[in-house]
Every structure is written in structure tokens, then in C-alpha cells.
């Protein structure tokens, strides 16, 4: 009986561990590889290679730290250099796309209330430099614009791809937005 209980405990742990890993790979921001990448087990080339993803492949960006991002795609899950990741609507992002097709406005209050910030530039790596760090609660998007929005400056930590208006930003970005790129 004791052996059966121990085996059952191990089986439940394995099943729940697999469910957690699958759930983790389903969350994240949409992105693309901009070149063929080798996936590392950790954020650096000193870690073992765990997979490979080809150029211009849709991926999920789970998180970024400094110059490395943890991504999930058809070649596996692992770390790659931030410079190999694009958050645009296409693999080549907004750099080769025309400017936004409609206005994007961030609001300090939920439901598009409070002071508004409607940027004309496409990239704000550090909103604190503009006195706008951790201020926004909602965003209104018109036309086909989209936004890469990150919790920390320089597109670090938790990032999300926003493709439609949000009367209240996700709990990780609500009043915690520090860098944005508008496509």
C-alpha cells in the first residue's frame, strides 16, 4: 500500500508538472525570430543548446532579461538573444512598416479616463525619461496599430502584445508600464 501511494504521488506530480509547463508555454507575447536561433538552457552562450528555430518563425516570448529572451516555438523552448526577436506584426516588425494607421492613446485612469498620452514616436525605451513611468491604466487603439508593452524599461521583464483597446491593462502592466513600441 505504501509503495502504491508513493507511486501515485509521483504520477500526480508528473502530470501536474506537465500541465504547468504547458500552461506556461501558452502565455507570453507574440513575436518572431528575425534570424535562425539556437536555443540555450539559460540566458547566455555558456548554457547547453536545447533547440533551434528557423528565421521568420512565429514564437511566444515568455520573458526577457537584459539582452536575452526566453521563447517558445516549433523548435523548442529556450533562451535566445533579444536582437533575434521581433515583436512586430510581421517578422520584420515596425521598422519596415509604415507608421501607425490610427492613433494610440494611453490613459492614466481605467476606461480611457484621466490624462492621455497619444505618442507620435514609435519607440519609448524608458518612459521614466519622459515622466510617464508606471502611470497608465488603459489604452485605446484605432485602426490597425499594435503595441509591444513591457513592465520594465528597455523592453525587459513581462511584455505583452496589445492589438486592441483595453479599458484596463493586464494586471502586470496596470500602472506598471515602462517601455512601449508602437507598430
N, C-alpha and C. Protein backbone atom coordinates (compact mmCIF):
# COMPACT_ATOMS: atom_id res chain seq x y z
N UNK A 1 0.81 -1.19 0.00
CA UNK A 1 0.00 0.00 0.00
C UNK A 1 0.87 1.27 0.00
N UNK A 2 1.92 1.23 0.80
CA UNK A 2 2.82 2.38 0.88
C UNK A 2 3.48 2.64 -0.48
N UNK A 3 3.89 1.56 -1.17
CA UNK A 3 4.50 1.69 -2.50
C UNK A 3 3.49 2.26 -3.49
N UNK A 4 2.26 1.82 -3.42
CA UNK A 4 1.20 2.31 -4.31
C UNK A 4 0.96 3.80 -4.08
N UNK A 5 0.91 4.23 -2.82
CA UNK A 5 0.69 5.63 -2.50
C UNK A 5 1.85 6.49 -3.01
N UNK A 6 3.07 6.01 -2.84
CA UNK A 6 4.26 6.73 -3.31
C UNK A 6 4.24 6.84 -4.84
N UNK A 7 3.89 5.75 -5.53
CA UNK A 7 3.81 5.76 -6.99
C UNK A 7 2.74 6.72 -7.48
N UNK A 8 1.59 6.73 -6.80
CA UNK A 8 0.51 7.62 -7.16
C UNK A 8 0.93 9.08 -6.97
N UNK A 9 1.65 9.38 -5.89
CA UNK A 9 2.13 10.73 -5.63
C UNK A 9 3.08 11.19 -6.74
N UNK A 10 3.99 10.32 -7.15
CA UNK A 10 4.93 10.64 -8.22
C UNK A 10 4.18 10.88 -9.52
N UNK A 11 3.19 10.04 -9.82
CA UNK A 11 2.41 10.18 -11.04
C UNK A 11 1.65 11.51 -11.06
N UNK A 12 1.03 11.88 -9.96
CA UNK A 12 0.30 13.16 -9.88
C UNK A 12 1.28 14.32 -10.06
N UNK A 13 2.45 14.26 -9.45
CA UNK A 13 3.44 15.32 -9.60
C UNK A 13 3.88 15.47 -11.05
N UNK A 14 4.08 14.34 -11.73
CA UNK A 14 4.47 14.40 -13.14
C UNK A 14 3.38 15.00 -14.00
N UNK A 15 2.14 14.60 -13.77
CA UNK A 15 1.02 15.13 -14.55
C UNK A 15 0.86 16.62 -14.30
N UNK A 16 0.87 17.05 -13.04
CA UNK A 16 0.72 18.46 -12.73
C UNK A 16 1.91 19.27 -13.23
N UNK A 17 3.09 18.72 -13.15
CA UNK A 17 4.28 19.40 -13.67
C UNK A 17 4.17 19.61 -15.17
N UNK A 18 3.68 18.62 -15.89
CA UNK A 18 3.48 18.75 -17.34
C UNK A 18 2.42 19.77 -17.67
N UNK A 19 1.35 19.80 -16.89
CA UNK A 19 0.28 20.77 -17.12
C UNK A 19 0.80 22.18 -16.87
N UNK A 20 1.62 22.35 -15.84
CA UNK A 20 2.17 23.66 -15.54
C UNK A 20 3.09 24.12 -16.66
N UNK A 21 3.95 23.23 -17.16
CA UNK A 21 4.85 23.60 -18.25
C UNK A 21 4.07 23.97 -19.50
N UNK A 22 3.00 23.21 -19.79
CA UNK A 22 2.20 23.52 -20.97
C UNK A 22 1.49 24.85 -20.79
N UNK A 23 0.94 25.10 -19.63
CA UNK A 23 0.25 26.37 -19.36
C UNK A 23 1.23 27.54 -19.48
N UNK A 24 2.46 27.35 -18.98
CA UNK A 24 3.44 28.42 -19.06
C UNK A 24 3.78 28.74 -20.50
N UNK A 25 3.83 27.73 -21.38
CA UNK A 25 4.19 27.99 -22.76
C UNK A 25 3.05 28.63 -23.52
N UNK A 26 1.81 28.59 -22.98
CA UNK A 26 0.68 29.21 -23.67
C UNK A 26 0.59 30.70 -23.36
N UNK A 27 1.23 31.19 -22.30
CA UNK A 27 1.19 32.61 -22.00
C UNK A 27 2.44 33.26 -22.56
N UNK A 28 2.37 34.55 -22.77
CA UNK A 28 3.51 35.28 -23.31
C UNK A 28 3.07 36.19 -24.42
N UNK A 29 4.02 36.88 -25.00
CA UNK A 29 3.75 37.82 -26.09
C UNK A 29 4.08 37.19 -27.42
N UNK A 30 3.28 37.54 -28.43
CA UNK A 30 3.56 37.06 -29.78
C UNK A 30 4.82 37.73 -30.28
N UNK A 31 5.61 36.99 -31.01
CA UNK A 31 6.84 37.54 -31.57
C UNK A 31 7.29 36.71 -32.76
N UNK A 32 8.45 37.05 -33.29
CA UNK A 32 9.03 36.37 -34.44
C UNK A 32 10.53 36.23 -34.24
N UNK A 33 11.12 35.22 -34.84
CA UNK A 33 12.58 35.16 -34.91
C UNK A 33 12.99 35.96 -36.14
N UNK A 34 14.03 36.76 -36.00
CA UNK A 34 14.50 37.56 -37.13
C UNK A 34 15.67 36.90 -37.85
N UNK A 35 16.15 35.83 -37.26
CA UNK A 35 17.22 35.02 -37.87
C UNK A 35 17.14 33.63 -37.25
N UNK A 36 17.81 32.67 -37.82
CA UNK A 36 17.84 31.32 -37.23
C UNK A 36 18.51 31.43 -35.86
N UNK A 37 17.90 30.83 -34.85
CA UNK A 37 18.44 30.93 -33.49
C UNK A 37 18.69 29.56 -32.89
N UNK A 38 19.71 29.49 -32.08
CA UNK A 38 19.99 28.31 -31.27
C UNK A 38 19.47 28.63 -29.87
N UNK A 39 18.64 27.76 -29.35
CA UNK A 39 18.07 27.96 -28.01
C UNK A 39 19.02 27.42 -26.96
N UNK A 40 19.23 28.22 -25.91
CA UNK A 40 20.11 27.84 -24.81
C UNK A 40 19.26 27.49 -23.59
N UNK A 41 19.80 26.69 -22.69
CA UNK A 41 19.11 26.30 -21.46
C UNK A 41 19.00 27.46 -20.47
N UNK A 42 19.81 28.49 -20.65
CA UNK A 42 19.78 29.68 -19.79
C UNK A 42 20.15 30.91 -20.58
N UNK A 43 20.11 32.08 -19.96
CA UNK A 43 20.39 33.33 -20.68
C UNK A 43 21.88 33.59 -20.89
N UNK A 44 22.47 32.89 -21.85
CA UNK A 44 23.87 33.07 -22.19
C UNK A 44 24.39 31.91 -23.02
N UNK A 45 25.48 32.15 -23.75
CA UNK A 45 26.03 31.09 -24.60
C UNK A 45 26.76 30.02 -23.81
N UNK A 46 26.99 30.25 -22.53
CA UNK A 46 27.63 29.25 -21.69
C UNK A 46 26.71 28.09 -21.31
N UNK A 47 25.42 28.24 -21.58
CA UNK A 47 24.45 27.18 -21.26
C UNK A 47 24.35 26.20 -22.42
N UNK A 48 23.88 25.01 -22.14
CA UNK A 48 23.73 23.97 -23.16
C UNK A 48 22.68 24.36 -24.20
N UNK A 49 22.90 23.93 -25.43
CA UNK A 49 21.92 24.14 -26.51
C UNK A 49 20.77 23.16 -26.31
N UNK A 50 19.53 23.68 -26.44
CA UNK A 50 18.36 22.83 -26.21
C UNK A 50 17.40 22.80 -27.40
N UNK A 51 17.73 23.50 -28.47
CA UNK A 51 16.86 23.51 -29.64
C UNK A 51 17.29 24.55 -30.64
N UNK A 52 16.51 24.64 -31.72
CA UNK A 52 16.82 25.59 -32.77
C UNK A 52 15.52 26.00 -33.46
N UNK A 53 15.41 27.27 -33.82
CA UNK A 53 14.24 27.77 -34.54
C UNK A 53 14.73 28.55 -35.75
N UNK A 54 14.10 28.33 -36.88
CA UNK A 54 14.50 28.97 -38.13
C UNK A 54 14.13 30.46 -38.16
N UNK A 55 14.56 31.14 -39.20
CA UNK A 55 14.28 32.56 -39.43
C UNK A 55 12.80 32.79 -39.74
N UNK A 56 12.25 33.93 -39.30
CA UNK A 56 10.88 34.37 -39.61
C UNK A 56 9.81 33.38 -39.15
N UNK A 57 9.99 32.81 -37.96
CA UNK A 57 9.03 31.86 -37.40
C UNK A 57 8.29 32.53 -36.24
N UNK A 58 6.97 32.34 -36.19
CA UNK A 58 6.17 32.88 -35.09
C UNK A 58 6.52 32.16 -33.80
N UNK A 59 6.72 32.93 -32.72
CA UNK A 59 7.11 32.37 -31.42
C UNK A 59 6.30 33.06 -30.32
N UNK A 60 6.39 32.52 -29.11
CA UNK A 60 5.88 33.17 -27.91
C UNK A 60 7.10 33.65 -27.13
N UNK A 61 7.09 34.90 -26.72
CA UNK A 61 8.15 35.44 -25.88
C UNK A 61 7.63 35.39 -24.45
N UNK A 62 8.22 34.52 -23.66
CA UNK A 62 7.75 34.30 -22.29
C UNK A 62 8.26 35.37 -21.33
N UNK A 63 9.51 35.79 -21.50
CA UNK A 63 10.06 36.89 -20.71
C UNK A 63 11.44 37.25 -21.24
N UNK A 64 11.88 38.46 -20.94
CA UNK A 64 13.21 38.91 -21.34
C UNK A 64 13.95 39.44 -20.12
N UNK A 65 15.25 39.30 -20.16
CA UNK A 65 16.09 39.86 -19.09
C UNK A 65 17.37 40.34 -19.74
N UNK A 66 17.66 41.59 -19.55
CA UNK A 66 18.81 42.26 -20.16
C UNK A 66 18.82 42.05 -21.67
N UNK A 67 19.71 41.25 -22.20
CA UNK A 67 19.80 41.06 -23.65
C UNK A 67 19.35 39.67 -24.09
N UNK A 68 18.65 38.94 -23.22
CA UNK A 68 18.20 37.59 -23.55
C UNK A 68 16.70 37.44 -23.33
N UNK A 69 16.06 36.61 -24.16
CA UNK A 69 14.62 36.33 -24.01
C UNK A 69 14.38 34.83 -23.97
N UNK A 70 13.47 34.42 -23.10
CA UNK A 70 13.01 33.04 -23.04
C UNK A 70 11.85 32.93 -24.03
N UNK A 71 12.00 32.07 -25.04
CA UNK A 71 10.99 31.94 -26.08
C UNK A 71 10.53 30.49 -26.21
N UNK A 72 9.37 30.32 -26.82
CA UNK A 72 8.80 29.01 -27.07
C UNK A 72 8.34 28.99 -28.52
N UNK A 73 8.74 27.98 -29.24
CA UNK A 73 8.36 27.89 -30.66
C UNK A 73 8.46 26.46 -31.15
N UNK A 74 8.32 26.28 -32.46
CA UNK A 74 8.31 24.93 -33.03
C UNK A 74 9.62 24.16 -32.84
N UNK A 75 10.71 24.84 -32.54
CA UNK A 75 11.98 24.16 -32.33
C UNK A 75 12.31 23.91 -30.88
N UNK A 76 11.38 24.27 -29.97
CA UNK A 76 11.61 24.05 -28.55
C UNK A 76 11.43 25.32 -27.75
N UNK A 77 11.82 25.20 -26.49
CA UNK A 77 11.73 26.31 -25.55
C UNK A 77 13.10 26.56 -24.98
N UNK A 78 13.54 27.83 -25.02
CA UNK A 78 14.86 28.16 -24.50
C UNK A 78 15.15 29.64 -24.65
N UNK A 79 16.37 30.01 -24.33
CA UNK A 79 16.81 31.40 -24.33
C UNK A 79 17.53 31.74 -25.62
N UNK A 80 17.29 32.96 -26.12
CA UNK A 80 18.00 33.46 -27.30
C UNK A 80 18.23 34.95 -27.12
N UNK A 81 19.12 35.51 -27.91
CA UNK A 81 19.43 36.93 -27.81
C UNK A 81 18.24 37.80 -28.20
N UNK A 82 18.02 38.88 -27.45
CA UNK A 82 16.94 39.82 -27.71
C UNK A 82 17.02 40.38 -29.12
N UNK A 83 18.21 40.53 -29.66
CA UNK A 83 18.37 41.09 -31.01
C UNK A 83 17.83 40.15 -32.09
N UNK A 84 17.54 38.90 -31.75
CA UNK A 84 16.99 37.93 -32.70
C UNK A 84 15.47 37.83 -32.62
N UNK A 85 14.84 38.71 -31.83
CA UNK A 85 13.40 38.65 -31.60
C UNK A 85 12.75 39.95 -32.08
N UNK A 86 11.62 39.82 -32.77
CA UNK A 86 10.83 40.98 -33.19
C UNK A 86 9.44 40.86 -32.59
N UNK A 87 8.87 41.98 -32.16
CA UNK A 87 7.53 42.00 -31.60
C UNK A 87 6.52 42.59 -32.58
N UNK A 88 6.89 42.74 -33.85
CA UNK A 88 6.01 43.36 -34.84
C UNK A 88 4.92 42.44 -35.34
N UNK A 89 4.08 42.99 -36.23
CA UNK A 89 3.01 42.20 -36.84
C UNK A 89 3.56 41.21 -37.84
N UNK A 90 4.78 41.46 -38.31
CA UNK A 90 5.46 40.59 -39.25
C UNK A 90 6.84 40.29 -38.68
N UNK A 91 7.57 39.36 -39.27
CA UNK A 91 8.90 39.05 -38.74
C UNK A 91 9.84 40.26 -38.71
N UNK A 92 9.60 41.24 -39.53
CA UNK A 92 10.50 42.39 -39.58
C UNK A 92 9.95 43.59 -38.84
N UNK A 93 8.90 43.36 -38.06
CA UNK A 93 8.38 44.36 -37.14
C UNK A 93 8.01 45.68 -37.77
N UNK A 94 7.97 46.69 -36.94
CA UNK A 94 7.55 48.01 -37.38
C UNK A 94 8.64 48.78 -38.08
N UNK A 95 9.86 48.30 -38.07
CA UNK A 95 10.95 49.06 -38.65
C UNK A 95 10.78 49.25 -40.15
N UNK A 96 10.16 48.29 -40.82
CA UNK A 96 9.97 48.39 -42.26
C UNK A 96 8.51 48.62 -42.62
N UNK A 97 7.70 48.85 -41.62
CA UNK A 97 6.27 49.07 -41.83
C UNK A 97 6.00 50.57 -41.86
N UNK A 98 4.91 51.00 -42.50
CA UNK A 98 4.54 52.41 -42.42
C UNK A 98 4.15 52.75 -40.99
N UNK A 99 4.16 54.05 -40.69
CA UNK A 99 3.77 54.50 -39.35
C UNK A 99 2.34 54.09 -39.05
N UNK A 100 1.99 54.07 -37.82
CA UNK A 100 0.70 53.64 -37.30
C UNK A 100 -0.45 54.14 -38.18
N UNK A 101 -1.45 53.27 -38.43
CA UNK A 101 -2.58 53.64 -39.27
C UNK A 101 -3.68 54.35 -38.49
N UNK A 102 -3.52 54.53 -37.22
CA UNK A 102 -4.50 55.23 -36.41
C UNK A 102 -3.87 55.61 -35.09
N UNK A 103 -4.49 56.51 -34.36
CA UNK A 103 -3.88 56.95 -33.10
C UNK A 103 -3.91 55.87 -32.01
N UNK A 104 -2.92 55.96 -31.15
CA UNK A 104 -2.82 55.11 -29.96
C UNK A 104 -2.74 56.07 -28.78
N UNK A 105 -3.62 55.91 -27.80
CA UNK A 105 -3.60 56.79 -26.63
C UNK A 105 -3.60 55.95 -25.35
N UNK A 106 -2.71 56.31 -24.45
CA UNK A 106 -2.64 55.69 -23.13
C UNK A 106 -3.30 56.65 -22.14
N UNK A 107 -4.06 56.09 -21.19
CA UNK A 107 -4.79 56.90 -20.22
C UNK A 107 -4.38 56.53 -18.80
N UNK A 108 -4.34 57.54 -17.93
CA UNK A 108 -3.94 57.30 -16.55
C UNK A 108 -5.02 56.60 -15.75
N UNK A 109 -6.27 56.67 -16.17
CA UNK A 109 -7.36 56.02 -15.46
C UNK A 109 -7.93 54.87 -16.27
N UNK A 110 -8.67 53.97 -15.61
CA UNK A 110 -9.32 52.88 -16.34
C UNK A 110 -10.45 53.44 -17.22
N UNK A 111 -10.87 52.66 -18.20
CA UNK A 111 -11.95 53.04 -19.11
C UNK A 111 -11.67 54.35 -19.84
N UNK A 112 -10.40 54.56 -20.20
CA UNK A 112 -9.97 55.70 -21.03
C UNK A 112 -10.28 57.03 -20.35
N UNK A 113 -10.00 57.11 -19.05
CA UNK A 113 -10.23 58.34 -18.29
C UNK A 113 -8.89 58.89 -17.81
N UNK A 114 -8.92 60.12 -17.34
CA UNK A 114 -7.71 60.74 -16.82
C UNK A 114 -6.86 61.32 -17.94
N UNK A 115 -5.68 61.78 -17.57
CA UNK A 115 -4.76 62.38 -18.54
C UNK A 115 -4.40 61.35 -19.62
N UNK A 116 -4.31 61.84 -20.87
CA UNK A 116 -4.00 60.98 -22.00
C UNK A 116 -2.61 61.29 -22.55
N UNK A 117 -1.95 60.24 -23.06
CA UNK A 117 -0.67 60.35 -23.75
C UNK A 117 -0.86 59.66 -25.09
N UNK A 118 -0.79 60.42 -26.17
CA UNK A 118 -1.00 59.90 -27.53
C UNK A 118 0.29 60.11 -28.30
N UNK A 119 1.23 59.19 -28.19
CA UNK A 119 2.58 59.39 -28.75
C UNK A 119 2.59 59.39 -30.26
N UNK A 120 3.48 60.20 -30.82
CA UNK A 120 3.68 60.20 -32.27
C UNK A 120 4.90 59.35 -32.64
N UNK A 121 5.85 59.24 -31.72
CA UNK A 121 7.03 58.40 -31.99
C UNK A 121 6.66 56.94 -31.80
N UNK A 122 7.43 56.06 -32.37
CA UNK A 122 7.11 54.64 -32.30
C UNK A 122 7.77 53.90 -31.15
N UNK A 123 8.86 54.37 -30.60
CA UNK A 123 9.58 53.62 -29.57
C UNK A 123 9.89 54.50 -28.37
N UNK A 124 9.52 54.03 -27.20
CA UNK A 124 9.88 54.66 -25.93
C UNK A 124 10.51 53.57 -25.08
N UNK A 125 11.84 53.54 -25.05
CA UNK A 125 12.56 52.50 -24.31
C UNK A 125 12.47 52.68 -22.80
N UNK A 126 12.29 53.90 -22.35
CA UNK A 126 12.23 54.18 -20.91
C UNK A 126 11.27 55.34 -20.67
N UNK A 127 10.03 55.04 -20.31
CA UNK A 127 9.02 56.07 -20.10
C UNK A 127 9.37 57.00 -18.94
N UNK A 128 10.24 56.57 -18.03
CA UNK A 128 10.65 57.42 -16.91
C UNK A 128 11.37 58.67 -17.41
N UNK A 129 12.07 58.57 -18.53
CA UNK A 129 12.78 59.72 -19.09
C UNK A 129 11.81 60.80 -19.57
N UNK A 130 10.55 60.43 -19.75
CA UNK A 130 9.52 61.37 -20.20
C UNK A 130 8.53 61.69 -19.07
N UNK A 131 8.83 61.23 -17.85
CA UNK A 131 7.95 61.45 -16.71
C UNK A 131 6.66 60.65 -16.80
N UNK A 132 6.69 59.51 -17.51
CA UNK A 132 5.47 58.74 -17.76
C UNK A 132 5.52 57.31 -17.22
N UNK A 133 6.52 56.99 -16.44
CA UNK A 133 6.71 55.62 -15.94
C UNK A 133 5.60 55.24 -14.95
N UNK A 134 5.06 54.04 -15.10
CA UNK A 134 4.09 53.47 -14.16
C UNK A 134 2.84 54.34 -13.96
N UNK A 135 2.35 54.95 -15.02
CA UNK A 135 1.20 55.86 -14.88
C UNK A 135 -0.07 55.37 -15.56
N UNK A 136 0.03 54.45 -16.51
CA UNK A 136 -1.12 54.17 -17.36
C UNK A 136 -1.96 52.99 -16.90
N UNK A 137 -3.29 53.15 -17.06
CA UNK A 137 -4.24 52.12 -16.64
C UNK A 137 -5.03 51.54 -17.81
N UNK A 138 -5.12 52.27 -18.94
CA UNK A 138 -5.88 51.79 -20.10
C UNK A 138 -5.24 52.32 -21.37
N UNK A 139 -5.59 51.68 -22.49
CA UNK A 139 -5.06 52.10 -23.79
C UNK A 139 -6.15 51.96 -24.84
N UNK A 140 -6.26 52.97 -25.72
CA UNK A 140 -7.23 52.94 -26.81
C UNK A 140 -6.45 52.92 -28.12
N UNK A 141 -6.75 51.94 -28.97
CA UNK A 141 -6.07 51.76 -30.25
C UNK A 141 -7.09 51.94 -31.37
N UNK A 142 -6.76 52.76 -32.35
CA UNK A 142 -7.61 52.95 -33.53
C UNK A 142 -6.88 52.41 -34.74
N UNK A 143 -7.64 51.95 -35.72
CA UNK A 143 -7.02 51.41 -36.92
C UNK A 143 -6.34 50.09 -36.67
N UNK A 144 -5.28 49.83 -37.42
CA UNK A 144 -4.59 48.53 -37.32
C UNK A 144 -3.31 48.61 -36.51
N UNK A 145 -3.16 49.62 -35.69
CA UNK A 145 -1.96 49.76 -34.85
C UNK A 145 -1.90 48.63 -33.83
N UNK A 146 -0.70 48.35 -33.35
CA UNK A 146 -0.50 47.41 -32.24
C UNK A 146 0.67 47.92 -31.41
N UNK A 147 0.81 47.37 -30.21
CA UNK A 147 1.81 47.86 -29.27
C UNK A 147 2.55 46.70 -28.62
N UNK A 148 3.87 46.82 -28.52
CA UNK A 148 4.65 45.94 -27.64
C UNK A 148 4.80 46.75 -26.35
N UNK A 149 4.25 46.26 -25.26
CA UNK A 149 4.25 46.98 -23.99
C UNK A 149 4.96 46.14 -22.94
N UNK A 150 5.92 46.73 -22.23
CA UNK A 150 6.71 45.98 -21.25
C UNK A 150 6.70 46.66 -19.89
N UNK A 151 6.80 45.82 -18.88
CA UNK A 151 6.75 46.27 -17.49
C UNK A 151 8.01 47.05 -17.09
N UNK A 152 9.16 46.68 -17.63
CA UNK A 152 10.41 47.35 -17.28
C UNK A 152 10.98 48.08 -18.49
N UNK A 153 11.86 49.02 -18.23
CA UNK A 153 12.47 49.79 -19.31
C UNK A 153 13.31 48.89 -20.22
N UNK A 154 13.57 49.34 -21.41
CA UNK A 154 14.34 48.63 -22.42
C UNK A 154 13.73 47.29 -22.80
N UNK A 155 12.39 47.20 -22.71
CA UNK A 155 11.65 46.01 -23.14
C UNK A 155 12.09 44.77 -22.37
N UNK A 156 12.18 44.90 -21.07
CA UNK A 156 12.60 43.81 -20.19
C UNK A 156 11.41 43.29 -19.40
N UNK A 157 11.61 42.20 -18.69
CA UNK A 157 10.63 41.61 -17.79
C UNK A 157 9.39 41.17 -18.55
N UNK A 158 8.21 41.39 -17.99
CA UNK A 158 6.96 40.96 -18.62
C UNK A 158 6.60 41.90 -19.76
N UNK A 159 6.35 41.33 -20.94
CA UNK A 159 5.93 42.11 -22.10
C UNK A 159 4.65 41.50 -22.66
N UNK A 160 3.85 42.33 -23.29
CA UNK A 160 2.60 41.87 -23.88
C UNK A 160 2.40 42.57 -25.21
N UNK A 161 1.85 41.86 -26.17
CA UNK A 161 1.48 42.43 -27.46
C UNK A 161 0.03 42.87 -27.34
N UNK A 162 -0.26 44.14 -27.52
CA UNK A 162 -1.61 44.68 -27.42
C UNK A 162 -2.08 45.02 -28.83
N UNK A 163 -3.16 44.39 -29.27
CA UNK A 163 -3.65 44.58 -30.63
C UNK A 163 -5.03 45.23 -30.69
N UNK A 164 -5.66 45.40 -29.53
CA UNK A 164 -6.96 46.08 -29.48
C UNK A 164 -7.04 46.89 -28.19
N UNK A 165 -7.97 47.84 -28.17
CA UNK A 165 -8.13 48.70 -27.00
C UNK A 165 -8.37 47.86 -25.75
N UNK A 166 -7.83 48.34 -24.63
CA UNK A 166 -8.02 47.69 -23.34
C UNK A 166 -8.49 48.72 -22.32
N UNK A 167 -9.75 48.63 -21.87
CA UNK A 167 -10.25 49.59 -20.88
C UNK A 167 -9.50 49.49 -19.55
N UNK A 168 -8.87 48.35 -19.32
CA UNK A 168 -7.99 48.20 -18.16
C UNK A 168 -6.86 47.28 -18.57
N UNK A 169 -5.63 47.77 -18.43
CA UNK A 169 -4.46 46.97 -18.79
C UNK A 169 -4.37 45.72 -17.92
N UNK A 170 -3.73 44.72 -18.43
CA UNK A 170 -3.44 43.48 -17.72
C UNK A 170 -2.83 43.81 -16.35
N UNK A 171 -3.06 42.96 -15.38
CA UNK A 171 -2.60 43.21 -14.01
C UNK A 171 -1.09 43.42 -13.90
N UNK A 172 -0.31 42.85 -14.82
CA UNK A 172 1.13 43.02 -14.77
C UNK A 172 1.58 44.36 -15.37
N UNK A 173 0.71 44.99 -16.16
CA UNK A 173 1.05 46.26 -16.79
C UNK A 173 0.29 47.45 -16.20
N UNK A 174 -0.80 47.19 -15.51
CA UNK A 174 -1.63 48.24 -14.93
C UNK A 174 -0.79 49.10 -14.00
N UNK A 175 -0.63 50.36 -14.35
CA UNK A 175 0.18 51.31 -13.57
C UNK A 175 1.63 50.82 -13.39
N UNK A 176 2.08 49.96 -14.33
CA UNK A 176 3.44 49.41 -14.26
C UNK A 176 4.13 49.42 -15.62
N UNK A 177 3.64 50.18 -16.56
CA UNK A 177 4.17 50.21 -17.92
C UNK A 177 5.41 51.10 -17.98
N UNK A 178 6.53 50.55 -18.52
CA UNK A 178 7.78 51.31 -18.54
C UNK A 178 8.41 51.46 -19.92
N UNK A 179 8.03 50.62 -20.90
CA UNK A 179 8.55 50.79 -22.26
C UNK A 179 7.49 50.33 -23.27
N UNK A 180 7.42 51.06 -24.40
CA UNK A 180 6.43 50.74 -25.43
C UNK A 180 7.02 50.91 -26.83
N UNK A 181 6.53 50.11 -27.72
CA UNK A 181 6.86 50.25 -29.15
C UNK A 181 5.55 50.15 -29.90
N UNK A 182 5.27 51.12 -30.74
CA UNK A 182 4.01 51.16 -31.47
C UNK A 182 4.26 50.78 -32.92
N UNK A 183 3.44 49.85 -33.42
CA UNK A 183 3.56 49.38 -34.80
C UNK A 183 2.36 49.84 -35.59
